[in-house]
N, C-alpha and C. Protein backbone atom coordinates (compact mmCIF):
# COMPACT_ATOMS: atom_id res chain seq x y z
N MET A 1 0.82 -1.20 0.00
CA MET A 1 0.00 0.00 0.00
C MET A 1 0.86 1.26 0.00
N SER A 2 2.02 1.25 0.67
CA SER A 2 2.85 2.45 0.70
C SER A 2 3.39 2.77 -0.69
N SER A 3 3.62 1.76 -1.54
CA SER A 3 4.10 2.06 -2.90
C SER A 3 3.01 2.74 -3.71
N ILE A 4 1.75 2.39 -3.51
CA ILE A 4 0.65 3.06 -4.19
C ILE A 4 0.56 4.50 -3.70
N PHE A 5 0.69 4.68 -2.39
CA PHE A 5 0.62 6.03 -1.83
C PHE A 5 1.72 6.89 -2.41
N SER A 6 2.95 6.37 -2.50
CA SER A 6 4.05 7.17 -3.01
C SER A 6 3.86 7.53 -4.48
N LYS A 7 3.17 6.69 -5.23
CA LYS A 7 2.90 7.02 -6.63
C LYS A 7 1.83 8.12 -6.73
N LEU A 8 0.90 8.12 -5.79
CA LEU A 8 -0.13 9.14 -5.80
C LEU A 8 0.37 10.47 -5.26
N SER A 9 1.33 10.42 -4.37
CA SER A 9 1.83 11.62 -3.72
C SER A 9 3.36 11.62 -3.77
N PRO A 10 3.94 11.84 -4.95
CA PRO A 10 5.39 11.76 -5.06
C PRO A 10 6.08 12.81 -4.19
N ASN A 11 7.17 12.44 -3.59
CA ASN A 11 7.90 13.33 -2.70
C ASN A 11 9.33 13.47 -3.18
N LEU A 12 9.96 14.54 -2.74
CA LEU A 12 11.37 14.73 -3.01
C LEU A 12 12.06 15.12 -1.73
N HIS A 13 13.34 14.84 -1.67
CA HIS A 13 14.12 15.14 -0.48
C HIS A 13 15.06 16.29 -0.79
N VAL A 14 15.05 17.27 0.10
CA VAL A 14 15.87 18.47 -0.05
C VAL A 14 16.71 18.61 1.21
N LYS A 15 17.98 18.95 1.00
CA LYS A 15 18.89 19.19 2.11
C LYS A 15 18.73 20.64 2.55
N VAL A 16 18.73 20.87 3.85
CA VAL A 16 18.66 22.22 4.39
C VAL A 16 19.87 22.42 5.29
N ARG A 17 20.65 23.45 4.97
CA ARG A 17 21.85 23.76 5.77
C ARG A 17 21.62 25.04 6.56
N PHE A 18 22.14 25.03 7.78
CA PHE A 18 22.07 26.20 8.64
C PHE A 18 23.51 26.60 8.98
N VAL A 19 23.76 27.90 9.02
CA VAL A 19 25.10 28.42 9.27
C VAL A 19 25.06 29.36 10.48
N GLY A 20 26.19 29.49 11.15
CA GLY A 20 26.32 30.43 12.25
C GLY A 20 25.48 30.03 13.46
N PHE A 21 24.83 31.03 14.04
CA PHE A 21 24.03 30.76 15.25
C PHE A 21 22.90 29.78 14.97
N LEU A 22 22.42 29.71 13.73
CA LEU A 22 21.36 28.75 13.39
C LEU A 22 21.87 27.32 13.50
N ALA A 23 23.11 27.09 13.08
CA ALA A 23 23.70 25.74 13.17
C ALA A 23 23.86 25.34 14.63
N ARG A 24 24.22 26.29 15.47
CA ARG A 24 24.36 25.97 16.90
C ARG A 24 23.01 25.67 17.53
N LYS A 25 21.97 26.34 17.05
CA LYS A 25 20.63 26.16 17.62
C LYS A 25 19.93 24.91 17.07
N ILE A 26 20.02 24.69 15.76
CA ILE A 26 19.25 23.63 15.10
C ILE A 26 20.09 22.43 14.72
N GLY A 27 21.32 22.69 14.30
CA GLY A 27 22.19 21.68 13.73
C GLY A 27 22.63 22.16 12.35
N ARG A 28 23.69 21.61 11.83
CA ARG A 28 24.23 22.09 10.55
C ARG A 28 23.37 21.71 9.35
N GLU A 29 22.78 20.54 9.40
CA GLU A 29 22.08 20.06 8.22
C GLU A 29 20.93 19.15 8.59
N ILE A 30 19.83 19.31 7.87
CA ILE A 30 18.68 18.41 8.01
C ILE A 30 18.21 18.04 6.61
N SER A 31 17.37 17.05 6.53
CA SER A 31 16.74 16.68 5.27
C SER A 31 15.24 16.84 5.45
N VAL A 32 14.59 17.47 4.48
CA VAL A 32 13.14 17.60 4.55
C VAL A 32 12.52 16.93 3.34
N GLU A 33 11.34 16.40 3.55
CA GLU A 33 10.59 15.76 2.47
C GLU A 33 9.48 16.71 2.05
N LEU A 34 9.44 17.01 0.76
CA LEU A 34 8.46 17.95 0.22
C LEU A 34 7.70 17.29 -0.91
N ASP A 35 6.53 17.84 -1.21
CA ASP A 35 5.76 17.35 -2.34
C ASP A 35 6.44 17.75 -3.64
N GLU A 36 6.38 16.87 -4.61
CA GLU A 36 6.88 17.18 -5.95
C GLU A 36 6.19 18.44 -6.44
N GLY A 37 6.93 19.35 -7.05
CA GLY A 37 6.36 20.59 -7.55
C GLY A 37 6.43 21.74 -6.56
N THR A 38 6.98 21.50 -5.35
CA THR A 38 7.13 22.57 -4.37
C THR A 38 8.12 23.60 -4.89
N THR A 39 7.79 24.88 -4.72
CA THR A 39 8.69 25.93 -5.16
C THR A 39 9.67 26.29 -4.03
N PHE A 40 10.72 26.99 -4.42
CA PHE A 40 11.71 27.49 -3.47
C PHE A 40 11.03 28.32 -2.38
N ALA A 41 10.16 29.25 -2.78
CA ALA A 41 9.46 30.11 -1.81
C ALA A 41 8.58 29.30 -0.86
N GLU A 42 7.87 28.31 -1.38
CA GLU A 42 7.00 27.49 -0.52
C GLU A 42 7.82 26.72 0.51
N ALA A 43 8.96 26.17 0.07
CA ALA A 43 9.82 25.42 0.98
C ALA A 43 10.39 26.33 2.07
N VAL A 44 10.83 27.52 1.68
CA VAL A 44 11.39 28.46 2.65
C VAL A 44 10.32 28.86 3.67
N ARG A 45 9.11 29.12 3.20
CA ARG A 45 8.01 29.46 4.12
C ARG A 45 7.77 28.33 5.12
N ARG A 46 7.74 27.10 4.63
CA ARG A 46 7.48 25.95 5.51
C ARG A 46 8.59 25.78 6.53
N ILE A 47 9.83 25.85 6.09
CA ILE A 47 10.97 25.66 7.00
C ILE A 47 11.04 26.79 8.01
N SER A 48 10.84 28.03 7.56
CA SER A 48 10.92 29.17 8.48
C SER A 48 9.81 29.11 9.53
N ARG A 49 8.64 28.64 9.13
CA ARG A 49 7.53 28.49 10.09
C ARG A 49 7.85 27.38 11.10
N GLU A 50 8.38 26.27 10.60
CA GLU A 50 8.68 25.14 11.47
C GLU A 50 9.77 25.45 12.49
N TYR A 51 10.74 26.27 12.12
CA TYR A 51 11.86 26.56 13.01
C TYR A 51 11.78 27.94 13.66
N GLY A 52 10.66 28.63 13.49
CA GLY A 52 10.42 29.87 14.20
C GLY A 52 11.24 31.07 13.74
N PHE A 53 11.56 31.14 12.45
CA PHE A 53 12.33 32.27 11.92
C PHE A 53 11.47 33.50 11.66
N GLY A 54 10.18 33.36 11.82
CA GLY A 54 9.29 34.46 11.47
C GLY A 54 8.92 34.35 9.99
N PRO A 55 8.06 35.23 9.53
CA PRO A 55 7.61 35.14 8.15
C PRO A 55 8.72 35.51 7.17
N ILE A 56 8.99 34.60 6.24
CA ILE A 56 9.94 34.86 5.16
C ILE A 56 9.16 34.67 3.87
N ASP A 57 8.96 35.74 3.15
CA ASP A 57 8.20 35.68 1.90
C ASP A 57 9.10 36.09 0.74
N LEU A 58 9.74 35.11 0.11
CA LEU A 58 10.64 35.39 -1.00
C LEU A 58 9.91 35.99 -2.20
N GLU A 59 8.61 35.75 -2.28
CA GLU A 59 7.84 36.25 -3.42
C GLU A 59 7.71 37.77 -3.40
N LYS A 60 7.95 38.39 -2.25
CA LYS A 60 7.89 39.85 -2.19
C LYS A 60 9.18 40.48 -2.67
N GLY A 61 10.15 39.66 -3.07
CA GLY A 61 11.32 40.19 -3.73
C GLY A 61 12.61 40.28 -2.96
N SER A 62 12.63 39.87 -1.69
CA SER A 62 13.91 39.96 -0.99
C SER A 62 13.95 39.01 0.20
N ASP A 63 15.18 38.76 0.64
CA ASP A 63 15.38 37.99 1.87
C ASP A 63 15.07 38.91 3.04
N PRO A 64 14.76 38.34 4.19
CA PRO A 64 14.60 39.20 5.36
C PRO A 64 15.96 39.78 5.74
N ASP A 65 15.97 40.86 6.50
CA ASP A 65 17.22 41.49 6.90
C ASP A 65 18.09 40.58 7.75
N TYR A 66 17.50 39.65 8.45
CA TYR A 66 18.24 38.84 9.40
C TYR A 66 18.69 37.49 8.86
N LEU A 67 18.35 37.15 7.61
CA LEU A 67 18.76 35.88 7.02
C LEU A 67 18.98 36.04 5.52
N ILE A 68 19.95 35.31 5.02
CA ILE A 68 20.15 35.17 3.58
C ILE A 68 19.74 33.74 3.26
N VAL A 69 18.92 33.58 2.23
CA VAL A 69 18.44 32.24 1.88
C VAL A 69 18.88 31.95 0.45
N LEU A 70 19.61 30.84 0.28
CA LEU A 70 20.15 30.47 -1.03
C LEU A 70 19.65 29.08 -1.44
N LEU A 71 19.56 28.87 -2.73
CA LEU A 71 19.24 27.56 -3.28
C LEU A 71 20.46 27.10 -4.08
N ASN A 72 21.03 25.98 -3.66
CA ASN A 72 22.23 25.45 -4.31
C ASN A 72 23.35 26.48 -4.39
N GLY A 73 23.49 27.27 -3.32
CA GLY A 73 24.58 28.23 -3.21
C GLY A 73 24.39 29.54 -3.94
N ARG A 74 23.20 29.77 -4.50
CA ARG A 74 22.95 30.99 -5.26
C ARG A 74 21.56 31.54 -4.96
N SER A 75 21.38 32.81 -5.29
CA SER A 75 20.04 33.40 -5.23
C SER A 75 19.23 32.87 -6.41
N HIS A 76 17.97 32.63 -6.19
CA HIS A 76 17.08 32.13 -7.25
C HIS A 76 15.74 32.82 -7.16
N GLN A 77 15.01 32.76 -8.24
CA GLN A 77 13.64 33.27 -8.25
C GLN A 77 12.80 32.39 -7.32
N PRO A 78 11.83 33.00 -6.64
CA PRO A 78 11.02 32.24 -5.67
C PRO A 78 10.18 31.13 -6.30
N ASP A 79 9.85 31.25 -7.58
CA ASP A 79 8.97 30.26 -8.21
C ASP A 79 9.70 29.07 -8.82
N VAL A 80 11.01 28.96 -8.61
CA VAL A 80 11.76 27.82 -9.11
C VAL A 80 11.27 26.56 -8.41
N LYS A 81 10.95 25.53 -9.19
CA LYS A 81 10.50 24.26 -8.61
C LYS A 81 11.73 23.48 -8.15
N LEU A 82 11.63 22.94 -6.95
CA LEU A 82 12.74 22.18 -6.38
C LEU A 82 12.86 20.82 -7.02
N LYS A 83 14.09 20.31 -7.03
CA LYS A 83 14.38 18.98 -7.56
C LYS A 83 15.01 18.13 -6.47
N GLU A 84 14.93 16.83 -6.64
CA GLU A 84 15.55 15.90 -5.70
C GLU A 84 17.02 16.28 -5.50
N GLY A 85 17.41 16.37 -4.22
CA GLY A 85 18.81 16.64 -3.90
C GLY A 85 19.19 18.11 -3.85
N ASP A 86 18.26 19.02 -4.12
CA ASP A 86 18.57 20.45 -4.00
C ASP A 86 18.95 20.76 -2.56
N GLU A 87 19.64 21.90 -2.39
CA GLU A 87 20.05 22.32 -1.05
C GLU A 87 19.63 23.77 -0.82
N ILE A 88 18.93 23.99 0.28
CA ILE A 88 18.54 25.34 0.71
C ILE A 88 19.42 25.68 1.90
N ALA A 89 20.02 26.88 1.87
CA ALA A 89 20.88 27.31 2.96
C ALA A 89 20.32 28.57 3.60
N PHE A 90 20.30 28.59 4.91
CA PHE A 90 19.88 29.75 5.70
C PHE A 90 21.13 30.29 6.39
N LEU A 91 21.52 31.52 6.03
CA LEU A 91 22.74 32.11 6.57
C LEU A 91 22.43 33.45 7.21
N PRO A 92 22.92 33.68 8.43
CA PRO A 92 22.78 35.01 8.99
C PRO A 92 23.77 35.93 8.28
N PRO A 93 23.45 37.20 8.10
CA PRO A 93 24.41 38.10 7.48
C PRO A 93 25.66 38.22 8.33
N ILE A 94 26.78 38.39 7.67
CA ILE A 94 28.05 38.47 8.38
C ILE A 94 28.52 39.92 8.34
N ALA A 95 28.86 40.43 9.50
CA ALA A 95 29.38 41.79 9.57
C ALA A 95 30.78 41.75 10.14
N GLY A 96 31.60 42.59 9.64
CA GLY A 96 32.98 42.61 10.13
C GLY A 96 33.44 44.05 10.27
N GLY A 97 34.61 44.19 10.77
CA GLY A 97 35.06 45.55 10.94
C GLY A 97 36.48 45.67 10.99
């Protein structure tokens, strides 16, 4: 029965990396299971809600001031559909002096 369910509801696995204080709080890396066809923005919204980052809406055109969010190491449009093995990274901005 689980094989029928997986055919009806295909899923993909995406790696999520956390850097800086987020890695200390959550861990460096987790894997999340998402529905096939999930966009970058939808995944970021789900992860940010689950880990209490506050509302992150990439569709409004920018990252929040307190986090940089990358897909496979680069900025991407929010409507990009995720693929198996993609990596989303949440990085706090780095300031130096």
